[in-house]
Amino acid sequence: VQLQASGGGLVQAGGSLRLSCAASGIRISLSAMGWYRQAPGKQRELVATITGGGSTNYADSVKGRFTISRDNAKNTVYLQMNSLKPDDTAVYYCNVRDQFGVPYWGQGTQVTVSS
């Protein structure tokens, strides 16, 4: 299983970015996927998840601003991030769990929000 995350970058506060995570070796339509982030000096935290059935869950800090979605045909999960804040600055990681619950991680993509 491999996950390739992309789409990070530098953006001003209030701006938007869309992260992508392309999966190989696993069918995301059958899997729970998520986005996590880790800021310098902080623990990795959950941002958003989406189940195989399409149910979503968000951290309180991003509700109403971020949207997780999936394209099963492209085997890719996305994170649309709007109204970005400096506190959103972190390395963002995508995650997938296979049918046995084994987690796999992408390499991370840096998101930097300037004030």
N, C-alpha and C. Protein backbone atom coordinates (compact mmCIF):
# COMPACT_ATOMS: atom_id res chain seq x y z
N VAL A 1 0.84 -1.18 0.00
CA VAL A 1 0.00 0.00 0.00
C VAL A 1 0.88 1.24 0.00
N GLN A 2 0.57 2.16 -0.91
CA GLN A 2 1.29 3.43 -0.96
C GLN A 2 0.29 4.57 -1.06
N LEU A 3 0.61 5.66 -0.36
CA LEU A 3 -0.21 6.86 -0.39
C LEU A 3 0.69 8.03 -0.79
N GLN A 4 0.27 8.77 -1.80
CA GLN A 4 1.04 9.91 -2.29
C GLN A 4 0.23 11.17 -2.08
N ALA A 5 0.65 11.99 -1.12
CA ALA A 5 -0.05 13.23 -0.81
C ALA A 5 0.57 14.38 -1.59
N SER A 6 -0.27 15.32 -1.99
CA SER A 6 0.20 16.50 -2.72
C SER A 6 -0.79 17.64 -2.50
N GLY A 7 -0.37 18.84 -2.96
CA GLY A 7 -1.27 19.98 -2.91
C GLY A 7 -0.97 21.00 -1.84
N GLY A 8 0.00 20.72 -1.00
CA GLY A 8 0.35 21.68 0.03
C GLY A 8 1.05 22.90 -0.57
N GLY A 9 1.27 23.90 0.27
CA GLY A 9 1.95 25.10 -0.19
C GLY A 9 1.81 26.23 0.80
N LEU A 10 2.17 27.41 0.33
CA LEU A 10 2.09 28.63 1.14
C LEU A 10 0.89 29.44 0.68
N VAL A 11 0.07 29.85 1.63
CA VAL A 11 -1.14 30.61 1.30
C VAL A 11 -1.37 31.65 2.39
N GLN A 12 -1.99 32.74 2.03
CA GLN A 12 -2.32 33.77 3.02
C GLN A 12 -3.56 33.37 3.80
N ALA A 13 -3.67 33.89 4.99
CA ALA A 13 -4.85 33.64 5.81
C ALA A 13 -6.11 34.02 5.04
N GLY A 14 -7.12 33.16 5.13
CA GLY A 14 -8.35 33.37 4.39
C GLY A 14 -8.37 32.65 3.05
N GLY A 15 -7.23 32.16 2.63
CA GLY A 15 -7.13 31.48 1.35
C GLY A 15 -7.56 30.03 1.41
N SER A 16 -7.37 29.34 0.28
CA SER A 16 -7.81 27.95 0.15
C SER A 16 -6.71 27.09 -0.47
N LEU A 17 -6.74 25.83 -0.14
CA LEU A 17 -5.88 24.82 -0.75
C LEU A 17 -6.69 23.53 -0.85
N ARG A 18 -6.34 22.70 -1.82
CA ARG A 18 -6.92 21.37 -1.90
C ARG A 18 -5.80 20.34 -1.89
N LEU A 19 -5.84 19.48 -0.90
CA LEU A 19 -4.87 18.40 -0.81
C LEU A 19 -5.44 17.16 -1.49
N SER A 20 -4.54 16.40 -2.09
CA SER A 20 -4.92 15.13 -2.72
C SER A 20 -4.07 14.01 -2.14
N CYS A 21 -4.65 12.83 -2.08
CA CYS A 21 -3.91 11.65 -1.63
C CYS A 21 -4.29 10.51 -2.55
N ALA A 22 -3.36 10.14 -3.41
CA ALA A 22 -3.57 9.05 -4.35
C ALA A 22 -3.09 7.74 -3.74
N ALA A 23 -3.96 6.76 -3.74
CA ALA A 23 -3.64 5.47 -3.12
C ALA A 23 -3.36 4.42 -4.18
N SER A 24 -2.47 3.52 -3.87
CA SER A 24 -2.21 2.36 -4.71
C SER A 24 -2.04 1.15 -3.80
N GLY A 25 -2.43 0.00 -4.31
CA GLY A 25 -2.32 -1.22 -3.52
C GLY A 25 -3.50 -1.47 -2.61
N ILE A 26 -4.48 -0.61 -2.67
CA ILE A 26 -5.67 -0.75 -1.84
C ILE A 26 -6.82 -0.03 -2.51
N ARG A 27 -8.03 -0.56 -2.38
CA ARG A 27 -9.20 0.10 -2.95
C ARG A 27 -9.82 1.00 -1.88
N ILE A 28 -9.76 2.30 -2.10
CA ILE A 28 -10.24 3.21 -1.08
C ILE A 28 -11.74 3.12 -0.91
N SER A 29 -12.45 2.61 -1.91
CA SER A 29 -13.90 2.50 -1.79
C SER A 29 -14.30 1.55 -0.68
N LEU A 30 -13.37 0.67 -0.29
CA LEU A 30 -13.65 -0.31 0.75
C LEU A 30 -13.00 0.07 2.08
N SER A 31 -12.39 1.25 2.13
CA SER A 31 -11.52 1.58 3.26
C SER A 31 -11.91 2.89 3.91
N ALA A 32 -11.59 2.99 5.18
CA ALA A 32 -11.71 4.26 5.90
C ALA A 32 -10.43 5.06 5.67
N MET A 33 -10.59 6.31 5.31
CA MET A 33 -9.42 7.16 5.04
C MET A 33 -9.52 8.43 5.87
N GLY A 34 -8.37 9.03 6.09
CA GLY A 34 -8.37 10.24 6.89
C GLY A 34 -7.21 11.15 6.58
N TRP A 35 -7.36 12.37 7.04
CA TRP A 35 -6.28 13.35 7.02
C TRP A 35 -5.93 13.72 8.45
N TYR A 36 -4.64 13.78 8.71
CA TYR A 36 -4.13 14.18 10.01
C TYR A 36 -3.12 15.29 9.77
N ARG A 37 -2.78 16.01 10.83
CA ARG A 37 -1.75 17.03 10.69
C ARG A 37 -0.89 17.09 11.93
N GLN A 38 0.32 17.58 11.73
CA GLN A 38 1.25 17.73 12.85
C GLN A 38 1.99 19.04 12.70
N ALA A 39 1.77 19.92 13.67
CA ALA A 39 2.47 21.20 13.71
C ALA A 39 3.76 21.03 14.49
N PRO A 40 4.74 21.90 14.28
CA PRO A 40 6.00 21.80 15.01
C PRO A 40 5.79 21.79 16.52
N GLY A 41 6.38 20.82 17.18
CA GLY A 41 6.29 20.74 18.63
C GLY A 41 4.99 20.20 19.16
N LYS A 42 4.12 19.76 18.27
CA LYS A 42 2.81 19.25 18.69
C LYS A 42 2.62 17.82 18.22
N GLN A 43 1.67 17.15 18.84
CA GLN A 43 1.35 15.78 18.43
C GLN A 43 0.51 15.78 17.16
N ARG A 44 0.59 14.69 16.46
CA ARG A 44 -0.25 14.52 15.27
C ARG A 44 -1.71 14.46 15.72
N GLU A 45 -2.56 15.17 14.97
CA GLU A 45 -3.97 15.22 15.34
C GLU A 45 -4.84 14.92 14.14
N LEU A 46 -6.03 14.38 14.45
CA LEU A 46 -7.00 14.08 13.42
C LEU A 46 -7.59 15.37 12.86
N VAL A 47 -7.72 15.41 11.53
CA VAL A 47 -8.37 16.53 10.87
C VAL A 47 -9.75 16.11 10.37
N ALA A 48 -9.78 15.04 9.59
CA ALA A 48 -11.05 14.59 9.01
C ALA A 48 -10.92 13.13 8.59
N THR A 49 -12.05 12.43 8.63
CA THR A 49 -12.08 11.04 8.16
C THR A 49 -13.30 10.83 7.28
N ILE A 50 -13.20 9.80 6.45
CA ILE A 50 -14.33 9.40 5.62
C ILE A 50 -14.33 7.89 5.55
N THR A 51 -15.49 7.29 5.79
CA THR A 51 -15.58 5.84 5.79
C THR A 51 -15.82 5.32 4.37
N GLY A 52 -15.77 4.01 4.24
CA GLY A 52 -16.08 3.41 2.94
C GLY A 52 -17.49 3.73 2.48
N GLY A 53 -18.38 3.92 3.43
CA GLY A 53 -19.76 4.26 3.11
C GLY A 53 -19.99 5.73 2.85
N GLY A 54 -18.94 6.54 3.07
CA GLY A 54 -19.04 7.96 2.79
C GLY A 54 -19.35 8.85 3.98
N SER A 55 -19.46 8.27 5.16
CA SER A 55 -19.68 9.10 6.36
C SER A 55 -18.42 9.86 6.70
N THR A 56 -18.59 11.10 7.10
CA THR A 56 -17.44 11.97 7.39
C THR A 56 -17.44 12.42 8.84
N ASN A 57 -16.24 12.77 9.29
CA ASN A 57 -16.08 13.26 10.65
C ASN A 57 -14.97 14.31 10.62
N TYR A 58 -15.14 15.38 11.40
CA TYR A 58 -14.17 16.47 11.39
C TYR A 58 -13.77 16.88 12.79
N ALA A 59 -12.55 17.34 12.91
CA ALA A 59 -12.14 17.97 14.15
C ALA A 59 -12.92 19.27 14.31
N ASP A 60 -13.22 19.62 15.55
CA ASP A 60 -14.00 20.84 15.79
C ASP A 60 -13.33 22.08 15.19
N SER A 61 -12.01 22.08 15.20
CA SER A 61 -11.26 23.25 14.74
C SER A 61 -11.40 23.51 13.24
N VAL A 62 -11.85 22.51 12.48
CA VAL A 62 -11.93 22.68 11.02
C VAL A 62 -13.36 22.56 10.49
N LYS A 63 -14.31 22.25 11.37
CA LYS A 63 -15.70 22.10 10.92
C LYS A 63 -16.19 23.38 10.25
N GLY A 64 -16.84 23.21 9.12
CA GLY A 64 -17.36 24.35 8.38
C GLY A 64 -16.35 24.99 7.44
N ARG A 65 -15.08 24.60 7.57
CA ARG A 65 -14.05 25.17 6.70
C ARG A 65 -13.40 24.12 5.78
N PHE A 66 -13.28 22.90 6.28
CA PHE A 66 -12.62 21.83 5.52
C PHE A 66 -13.67 20.81 5.08
N THR A 67 -13.41 20.19 3.93
CA THR A 67 -14.29 19.15 3.42
C THR A 67 -13.45 17.99 2.90
N ILE A 68 -13.72 16.80 3.41
CA ILE A 68 -13.05 15.59 2.92
C ILE A 68 -13.97 14.92 1.91
N SER A 69 -13.37 14.41 0.84
CA SER A 69 -14.15 13.73 -0.18
C SER A 69 -13.28 12.67 -0.84
N ARG A 70 -13.92 11.85 -1.65
CA ARG A 70 -13.18 10.78 -2.30
C ARG A 70 -13.66 10.61 -3.72
N ASP A 71 -12.76 10.16 -4.58
CA ASP A 71 -13.09 9.80 -5.95
C ASP A 71 -12.65 8.35 -6.11
N ASN A 72 -13.60 7.44 -6.02
CA ASN A 72 -13.25 6.02 -6.05
C ASN A 72 -12.65 5.62 -7.39
N ALA A 73 -13.09 6.24 -8.46
CA ALA A 73 -12.56 5.90 -9.78
C ALA A 73 -11.08 6.25 -9.89
N LYS A 74 -10.68 7.33 -9.22
CA LYS A 74 -9.28 7.75 -9.23
C LYS A 74 -8.51 7.20 -8.03
N ASN A 75 -9.23 6.50 -7.15
CA ASN A 75 -8.60 5.96 -5.94
C ASN A 75 -7.89 7.06 -5.15
N THR A 76 -8.55 8.18 -5.03
CA THR A 76 -7.95 9.37 -4.44
C THR A 76 -8.91 10.00 -3.43
N VAL A 77 -8.35 10.48 -2.34
CA VAL A 77 -9.12 11.23 -1.35
C VAL A 77 -8.61 12.66 -1.32
N TYR A 78 -9.51 13.60 -1.07
CA TYR A 78 -9.17 15.02 -1.11
C TYR A 78 -9.51 15.68 0.21
N LEU A 79 -8.84 16.79 0.45
CA LEU A 79 -9.18 17.65 1.58
C LEU A 79 -9.23 19.08 1.06
N GLN A 80 -10.44 19.61 0.91
CA GLN A 80 -10.61 21.00 0.50
C GLN A 80 -10.56 21.86 1.75
N MET A 81 -9.64 22.81 1.77
CA MET A 81 -9.44 23.64 2.95
C MET A 81 -9.71 25.10 2.58
N ASN A 82 -10.73 25.66 3.18
CA ASN A 82 -11.10 27.06 2.94
C ASN A 82 -10.92 27.88 4.21
N SER A 83 -10.90 29.18 4.04
CA SER A 83 -10.78 30.10 5.18
C SER A 83 -9.62 29.69 6.08
N LEU A 84 -8.49 29.44 5.47
CA LEU A 84 -7.33 28.97 6.22
C LEU A 84 -6.84 30.00 7.22
N LYS A 85 -6.35 29.48 8.34
CA LYS A 85 -5.82 30.31 9.42
C LYS A 85 -4.37 29.94 9.69
N PRO A 86 -3.60 30.84 10.28
CA PRO A 86 -2.21 30.49 10.62
C PRO A 86 -2.12 29.24 11.49
N ASP A 87 -3.11 28.99 12.34
CA ASP A 87 -3.10 27.79 13.18
C ASP A 87 -3.25 26.50 12.38
N ASP A 88 -3.62 26.60 11.12
CA ASP A 88 -3.71 25.42 10.26
C ASP A 88 -2.35 25.00 9.71
N THR A 89 -1.33 25.80 9.96
CA THR A 89 0.01 25.47 9.49
C THR A 89 0.50 24.17 10.10
N ALA A 90 0.86 23.22 9.26
CA ALA A 90 1.29 21.90 9.72
C ALA A 90 1.69 21.06 8.51
N VAL A 91 2.27 19.91 8.81
CA VAL A 91 2.44 18.89 7.78
C VAL A 91 1.18 18.02 7.82
N TYR A 92 0.56 17.85 6.68
CA TYR A 92 -0.67 17.09 6.58
C TYR A 92 -0.37 15.70 6.01
N TYR A 93 -0.92 14.70 6.67
CA TYR A 93 -0.70 13.31 6.29
C TYR A 93 -2.03 12.65 5.96
N CYS A 94 -2.02 11.83 4.92
CA CYS A 94 -3.20 11.01 4.68
C CYS A 94 -2.97 9.61 5.25
N ASN A 95 -4.07 8.97 5.54
CA ASN A 95 -4.05 7.69 6.25
C ASN A 95 -5.15 6.80 5.69
N VAL A 96 -4.86 5.53 5.59
CA VAL A 96 -5.86 4.56 5.20
C VAL A 96 -5.72 3.33 6.09
N ARG A 97 -6.84 2.72 6.40
CA ARG A 97 -6.84 1.47 7.15
C ARG A 97 -7.41 0.37 6.27
N ASP A 98 -6.71 -0.75 6.21
CA ASP A 98 -7.22 -1.84 5.38
C ASP A 98 -8.31 -2.60 6.14
N GLN A 99 -8.79 -3.68 5.54
CA GLN A 99 -9.92 -4.39 6.14
C GLN A 99 -9.57 -5.06 7.47
N PHE A 100 -8.28 -5.13 7.77
CA PHE A 100 -7.84 -5.69 9.05
C PHE A 100 -7.56 -4.60 10.08
N GLY A 101 -7.76 -3.35 9.67
CA GLY A 101 -7.50 -2.24 10.57
C GLY A 101 -6.07 -1.78 10.60
N VAL A 102 -5.24 -2.32 9.73
CA VAL A 102 -3.83 -1.92 9.68
C VAL A 102 -3.72 -0.55 9.04
N PRO A 103 -3.07 0.43 9.70
CA PRO A 103 -2.97 1.78 9.14
C PRO A 103 -1.75 1.94 8.23
N TYR A 104 -1.93 2.75 7.21
CA TYR A 104 -0.84 3.13 6.32
C TYR A 104 -0.83 4.66 6.21
N TRP A 105 0.37 5.22 6.08
CA TRP A 105 0.53 6.67 6.05
C TRP A 105 1.22 7.13 4.78
N GLY A 106 0.80 8.30 4.28
CA GLY A 106 1.51 8.96 3.21
C GLY A 106 2.70 9.71 3.75
N GLN A 107 3.44 10.38 2.85
CA GLN A 107 4.69 11.01 3.25
C GLN A 107 4.49 12.40 3.84
N GLY A 108 3.31 12.96 3.73
CA GLY A 108 3.05 14.29 4.28
C GLY A 108 3.27 15.40 3.27
N THR A 109 2.47 16.44 3.40
CA THR A 109 2.62 17.62 2.55
C THR A 109 2.50 18.86 3.44
N GLN A 110 3.40 19.81 3.25
CA GLN A 110 3.47 20.98 4.13
C GLN A 110 2.44 22.02 3.71
N VAL A 111 1.69 22.49 4.69
CA VAL A 111 0.77 23.61 4.50
C VAL A 111 1.21 24.73 5.42
N THR A 112 1.47 25.89 4.84
CA THR A 112 1.88 27.06 5.61
C THR A 112 0.92 28.21 5.33
N VAL A 113 0.33 28.74 6.39
CA VAL A 113 -0.63 29.84 6.25
C VAL A 113 -0.01 31.07 6.90
N SER A 114 0.17 32.09 6.11
CA SER A 114 0.77 33.33 6.62
C SER A 114 -0.32 34.30 7.07
N SER A 115 0.00 35.09 8.06
CA SER A 115 -0.99 36.04 8.60
C SER A 115 -0.92 37.38 7.89
